[in-house]
């Protein structure tokens, strides 16, 4: 198994971070074929996701998103590509939500 761990700090606060995560869950995650479940908490939410070859969770906090993904051995060779795309997309989404442009 290959692990992908990404953490991105932000200044959105919990309400905006939660809304952004829900948009991701109901949009991009569905397009990727991910099945998601949401556990909302007072100080953090956890979105668990899975599809064939991929399992993981996104922790949504008022000041950060943490993504922990596990790839099975068939998906492991694609880890660098998957990790790069996740990181790039998360940066783009956060930059847009914060009113800026993503860093190259």
N, C-alpha and C. Protein backbone atom coordinates (compact mmCIF):
# COMPACT_ATOMS: atom_id res chain seq x y z
N UNK A 1 0.83 -1.19 0.00
CA UNK A 1 0.00 0.00 0.00
C UNK A 1 0.87 1.25 0.00
N UNK A 2 0.39 2.27 -0.68
CA UNK A 2 1.08 3.56 -0.72
C UNK A 2 0.20 4.59 -0.03
N UNK A 3 0.82 5.42 0.75
CA UNK A 3 0.09 6.46 1.48
C UNK A 3 0.36 7.84 0.89
N UNK A 4 -0.67 8.65 0.87
CA UNK A 4 -0.56 10.04 0.47
C UNK A 4 -1.11 10.86 1.62
N UNK A 5 -0.30 11.77 2.13
CA UNK A 5 -0.72 12.65 3.22
C UNK A 5 -0.45 14.09 2.80
N UNK A 6 -1.51 14.87 2.81
CA UNK A 6 -1.39 16.27 2.42
C UNK A 6 -2.10 17.12 3.46
N UNK A 7 -1.45 18.20 3.88
CA UNK A 7 -2.08 19.14 4.79
C UNK A 7 -1.95 20.53 4.18
N UNK A 8 -3.06 21.26 4.19
CA UNK A 8 -3.08 22.63 3.69
C UNK A 8 -3.72 23.53 4.72
N UNK A 9 -2.99 24.53 5.15
CA UNK A 9 -3.53 25.52 6.07
C UNK A 9 -4.39 26.51 5.28
N UNK A 10 -5.35 27.10 5.96
CA UNK A 10 -6.19 28.11 5.33
C UNK A 10 -6.71 29.06 6.41
N UNK A 11 -7.36 30.11 5.97
CA UNK A 11 -7.93 31.09 6.89
C UNK A 11 -9.43 31.25 6.64
N UNK A 12 -10.10 30.16 6.28
CA UNK A 12 -11.51 30.22 5.91
C UNK A 12 -12.46 30.20 7.09
N UNK A 13 -12.05 29.61 8.20
CA UNK A 13 -12.98 29.39 9.30
C UNK A 13 -13.78 28.13 9.03
N UNK A 14 -14.47 27.64 10.04
CA UNK A 14 -15.16 26.36 9.92
C UNK A 14 -16.33 26.38 8.95
N UNK A 15 -17.14 27.43 8.96
CA UNK A 15 -18.31 27.46 8.08
C UNK A 15 -17.92 27.41 6.60
N UNK A 16 -16.96 28.23 6.20
CA UNK A 16 -16.52 28.24 4.80
C UNK A 16 -15.77 26.96 4.44
N UNK A 17 -14.95 26.46 5.36
CA UNK A 17 -14.22 25.21 5.10
C UNK A 17 -15.19 24.05 4.93
N UNK A 18 -16.21 24.02 5.77
CA UNK A 18 -17.23 22.97 5.68
C UNK A 18 -17.98 23.05 4.35
N UNK A 19 -18.35 24.26 3.94
CA UNK A 19 -19.06 24.43 2.67
C UNK A 19 -18.18 24.00 1.50
N UNK A 20 -16.91 24.34 1.54
CA UNK A 20 -15.98 23.95 0.49
C UNK A 20 -15.83 22.43 0.43
N UNK A 21 -15.72 21.80 1.59
CA UNK A 21 -15.59 20.34 1.65
C UNK A 21 -16.86 19.66 1.14
N UNK A 22 -18.01 20.20 1.48
CA UNK A 22 -19.27 19.62 0.99
C UNK A 22 -19.39 19.76 -0.52
N UNK A 23 -18.95 20.90 -1.06
CA UNK A 23 -18.93 21.08 -2.52
C UNK A 23 -18.04 20.03 -3.17
N UNK A 24 -16.87 19.80 -2.57
CA UNK A 24 -15.94 18.79 -3.10
C UNK A 24 -16.59 17.41 -3.05
N UNK A 25 -17.19 17.09 -1.92
CA UNK A 25 -17.79 15.78 -1.73
C UNK A 25 -18.91 15.52 -2.73
N UNK A 26 -19.73 16.53 -2.98
CA UNK A 26 -20.87 16.37 -3.87
C UNK A 26 -20.55 16.64 -5.34
N UNK A 27 -19.35 17.12 -5.62
CA UNK A 27 -18.94 17.42 -7.00
C UNK A 27 -17.79 16.56 -7.46
N UNK A 28 -16.57 17.02 -7.15
CA UNK A 28 -15.36 16.35 -7.63
C UNK A 28 -15.28 14.89 -7.17
N UNK A 29 -15.63 14.64 -5.92
CA UNK A 29 -15.53 13.26 -5.40
C UNK A 29 -16.46 12.33 -6.16
N UNK A 30 -17.66 12.80 -6.45
CA UNK A 30 -18.61 11.97 -7.22
C UNK A 30 -18.09 11.72 -8.62
N UNK A 31 -17.51 12.76 -9.24
CA UNK A 31 -16.97 12.60 -10.59
C UNK A 31 -15.83 11.60 -10.62
N UNK A 32 -15.09 11.50 -9.52
CA UNK A 32 -13.98 10.54 -9.44
C UNK A 32 -14.46 9.14 -9.04
N UNK A 33 -15.76 8.99 -8.83
CA UNK A 33 -16.31 7.69 -8.45
C UNK A 33 -16.11 7.34 -7.00
N UNK A 34 -15.85 8.34 -6.16
CA UNK A 34 -15.65 8.10 -4.74
C UNK A 34 -16.99 8.03 -4.02
N UNK A 35 -17.13 7.07 -3.13
CA UNK A 35 -18.27 7.00 -2.23
C UNK A 35 -17.85 7.66 -0.93
N UNK A 36 -18.61 8.64 -0.48
CA UNK A 36 -18.22 9.44 0.68
C UNK A 36 -19.25 9.33 1.80
N UNK A 37 -18.74 9.40 3.03
CA UNK A 37 -19.59 9.55 4.20
C UNK A 37 -19.05 10.71 5.02
N UNK A 38 -19.94 11.44 5.64
CA UNK A 38 -19.57 12.64 6.38
C UNK A 38 -19.95 12.50 7.84
N UNK A 39 -19.00 12.83 8.70
CA UNK A 39 -19.24 12.93 10.14
C UNK A 39 -18.95 14.37 10.52
N UNK A 40 -20.00 15.12 10.87
CA UNK A 40 -19.80 16.51 11.26
C UNK A 40 -19.60 16.59 12.76
N UNK A 41 -18.66 17.42 13.15
CA UNK A 41 -18.39 17.68 14.55
C UNK A 41 -18.39 19.17 14.81
N UNK A 42 -18.27 19.54 16.05
CA UNK A 42 -18.28 20.96 16.39
C UNK A 42 -17.01 21.66 15.90
N UNK A 43 -15.85 21.01 16.07
CA UNK A 43 -14.57 21.63 15.72
C UNK A 43 -13.89 21.03 14.50
N UNK A 44 -14.43 19.91 13.98
CA UNK A 44 -13.88 19.32 12.77
C UNK A 44 -14.89 18.37 12.16
N UNK A 45 -14.80 18.21 10.86
CA UNK A 45 -15.60 17.24 10.13
C UNK A 45 -14.65 16.22 9.53
N UNK A 46 -15.16 15.01 9.35
CA UNK A 46 -14.36 13.97 8.70
C UNK A 46 -15.18 13.40 7.55
N UNK A 47 -14.59 13.47 6.37
CA UNK A 47 -15.19 12.86 5.18
C UNK A 47 -14.37 11.62 4.86
N UNK A 48 -15.00 10.47 4.96
CA UNK A 48 -14.33 9.22 4.58
C UNK A 48 -14.75 8.91 3.15
N UNK A 49 -13.78 8.44 2.35
CA UNK A 49 -14.07 8.15 0.95
C UNK A 49 -13.39 6.87 0.53
N UNK A 50 -13.99 6.25 -0.51
CA UNK A 50 -13.41 5.03 -1.05
C UNK A 50 -13.92 4.76 -2.46
N UNK A 51 -13.15 4.00 -3.15
CA UNK A 51 -13.49 3.42 -4.44
C UNK A 51 -12.49 2.30 -4.66
N UNK A 52 -12.66 1.53 -5.68
CA UNK A 52 -11.75 0.42 -5.90
C UNK A 52 -10.31 0.93 -5.97
N UNK A 53 -9.48 0.45 -5.06
CA UNK A 53 -8.07 0.80 -5.07
C UNK A 53 -7.68 1.99 -4.21
N UNK A 54 -8.69 2.71 -3.69
CA UNK A 54 -8.42 3.94 -2.94
C UNK A 54 -9.33 4.01 -1.72
N UNK A 55 -8.75 4.31 -0.56
CA UNK A 55 -9.52 4.63 0.63
C UNK A 55 -8.86 5.82 1.31
N UNK A 56 -9.63 6.56 2.08
CA UNK A 56 -9.01 7.66 2.79
C UNK A 56 -10.01 8.51 3.52
N UNK A 57 -9.49 9.59 4.07
CA UNK A 57 -10.35 10.55 4.74
C UNK A 57 -9.78 11.95 4.64
N UNK A 58 -10.69 12.90 4.63
CA UNK A 58 -10.33 14.31 4.68
C UNK A 58 -10.84 14.85 6.01
N UNK A 59 -9.95 15.45 6.77
CA UNK A 59 -10.32 16.11 8.01
C UNK A 59 -10.41 17.60 7.73
N UNK A 60 -11.55 18.17 8.05
CA UNK A 60 -11.82 19.57 7.79
C UNK A 60 -11.81 20.31 9.12
N UNK A 61 -10.91 21.26 9.24
CA UNK A 61 -10.80 22.06 10.46
C UNK A 61 -10.94 23.54 10.10
N UNK A 62 -11.18 24.39 11.10
CA UNK A 62 -11.33 25.82 10.81
C UNK A 62 -10.09 26.45 10.17
N UNK A 63 -8.93 25.81 10.35
CA UNK A 63 -7.68 26.39 9.86
C UNK A 63 -6.86 25.47 8.94
N UNK A 64 -7.39 24.29 8.62
CA UNK A 64 -6.62 23.37 7.78
C UNK A 64 -7.49 22.25 7.22
N UNK A 65 -7.04 21.73 6.09
CA UNK A 65 -7.57 20.49 5.53
C UNK A 65 -6.45 19.46 5.62
N UNK A 66 -6.77 18.26 6.07
CA UNK A 66 -5.79 17.17 6.09
C UNK A 66 -6.37 16.02 5.31
N UNK A 67 -5.60 15.53 4.37
CA UNK A 67 -6.02 14.43 3.51
C UNK A 67 -5.08 13.27 3.73
N UNK A 68 -5.66 12.12 4.03
CA UNK A 68 -4.90 10.89 4.25
C UNK A 68 -5.49 9.83 3.34
N UNK A 69 -4.74 9.41 2.34
CA UNK A 69 -5.22 8.49 1.32
C UNK A 69 -4.33 7.27 1.25
N UNK A 70 -4.95 6.11 1.08
CA UNK A 70 -4.21 4.86 0.92
C UNK A 70 -4.56 4.28 -0.45
N UNK A 71 -3.51 3.93 -1.18
CA UNK A 71 -3.66 3.33 -2.50
C UNK A 71 -3.28 1.86 -2.42
N UNK A 72 -4.07 0.99 -3.06
CA UNK A 72 -3.69 -0.42 -3.05
C UNK A 72 -2.51 -0.64 -3.99
N UNK A 73 -2.01 -1.86 -4.04
CA UNK A 73 -0.78 -2.10 -4.80
C UNK A 73 -0.95 -1.89 -6.31
N UNK A 74 -2.17 -1.99 -6.81
CA UNK A 74 -2.37 -1.73 -8.24
C UNK A 74 -2.32 -0.23 -8.54
N UNK A 75 -2.73 0.59 -7.57
CA UNK A 75 -2.72 2.04 -7.76
C UNK A 75 -1.40 2.67 -7.30
N UNK A 76 -0.63 1.95 -6.50
CA UNK A 76 0.61 2.48 -5.93
C UNK A 76 1.57 3.06 -6.97
N UNK A 77 1.74 2.44 -8.14
CA UNK A 77 2.65 3.04 -9.12
C UNK A 77 2.22 4.43 -9.59
N UNK A 78 0.95 4.75 -9.42
CA UNK A 78 0.44 6.05 -9.83
C UNK A 78 0.52 7.10 -8.72
N UNK A 79 1.11 6.73 -7.58
CA UNK A 79 1.16 7.63 -6.43
C UNK A 79 1.70 9.02 -6.77
N UNK A 80 2.84 9.16 -7.44
CA UNK A 80 3.35 10.52 -7.71
C UNK A 80 2.37 11.37 -8.51
N UNK A 81 1.73 10.78 -9.50
CA UNK A 81 0.77 11.51 -10.32
C UNK A 81 -0.46 11.88 -9.50
N UNK A 82 -1.00 10.93 -8.76
CA UNK A 82 -2.19 11.18 -7.94
C UNK A 82 -1.90 12.23 -6.88
N UNK A 83 -0.77 12.11 -6.21
CA UNK A 83 -0.40 13.05 -5.16
C UNK A 83 -0.25 14.47 -5.72
N UNK A 84 0.38 14.59 -6.87
CA UNK A 84 0.57 15.89 -7.50
C UNK A 84 -0.77 16.52 -7.88
N UNK A 85 -1.66 15.72 -8.45
CA UNK A 85 -2.97 16.24 -8.86
C UNK A 85 -3.81 16.65 -7.66
N UNK A 86 -3.79 15.86 -6.60
CA UNK A 86 -4.55 16.21 -5.39
C UNK A 86 -4.02 17.52 -4.82
N UNK A 87 -2.71 17.63 -4.71
CA UNK A 87 -2.11 18.83 -4.14
C UNK A 87 -2.42 20.06 -4.98
N UNK A 88 -2.29 19.93 -6.29
CA UNK A 88 -2.56 21.04 -7.20
C UNK A 88 -4.03 21.46 -7.13
N UNK A 89 -4.94 20.50 -7.13
CA UNK A 89 -6.37 20.82 -7.08
C UNK A 89 -6.76 21.44 -5.75
N UNK A 90 -6.21 20.93 -4.66
CA UNK A 90 -6.51 21.51 -3.34
C UNK A 90 -6.01 22.95 -3.26
N UNK A 91 -4.82 23.20 -3.78
CA UNK A 91 -4.28 24.57 -3.80
C UNK A 91 -5.17 25.49 -4.62
N UNK A 92 -5.63 25.02 -5.76
CA UNK A 92 -6.50 25.82 -6.64
C UNK A 92 -7.83 26.13 -5.95
N UNK A 93 -8.43 25.13 -5.34
CA UNK A 93 -9.71 25.31 -4.67
C UNK A 93 -9.58 26.29 -3.50
N UNK A 94 -8.52 26.13 -2.71
CA UNK A 94 -8.32 27.02 -1.57
C UNK A 94 -8.04 28.45 -2.02
N UNK A 95 -7.22 28.61 -3.05
CA UNK A 95 -6.92 29.95 -3.55
C UNK A 95 -8.19 30.65 -4.04
N UNK A 96 -9.02 29.92 -4.73
CA UNK A 96 -10.27 30.49 -5.23
C UNK A 96 -11.18 30.88 -4.06
N UNK A 97 -11.27 30.01 -3.04
CA UNK A 97 -12.12 30.28 -1.89
C UNK A 97 -11.61 31.47 -1.08
N UNK A 98 -10.30 31.65 -1.07
CA UNK A 98 -9.70 32.75 -0.31
C UNK A 98 -9.59 34.03 -1.14
N UNK A 99 -10.03 33.96 -2.40
CA UNK A 99 -10.05 35.16 -3.23
C UNK A 99 -8.74 35.48 -3.91
N UNK A 100 -7.84 34.51 -4.01
CA UNK A 100 -6.54 34.75 -4.66
C UNK A 100 -6.34 33.83 -5.84
N UNK A 101 -5.10 33.72 -6.23
CA UNK A 101 -4.73 32.81 -7.31
C UNK A 101 -3.73 31.81 -6.75
N UNK A 102 -3.77 30.56 -7.21
CA UNK A 102 -2.85 29.55 -6.69
C UNK A 102 -1.42 29.84 -7.06
N UNK A 103 -0.52 29.42 -6.18
CA UNK A 103 0.92 29.55 -6.44
C UNK A 103 1.33 28.43 -7.36
N UNK A 104 2.23 28.73 -8.27
CA UNK A 104 2.70 27.74 -9.26
C UNK A 104 3.55 26.68 -8.62
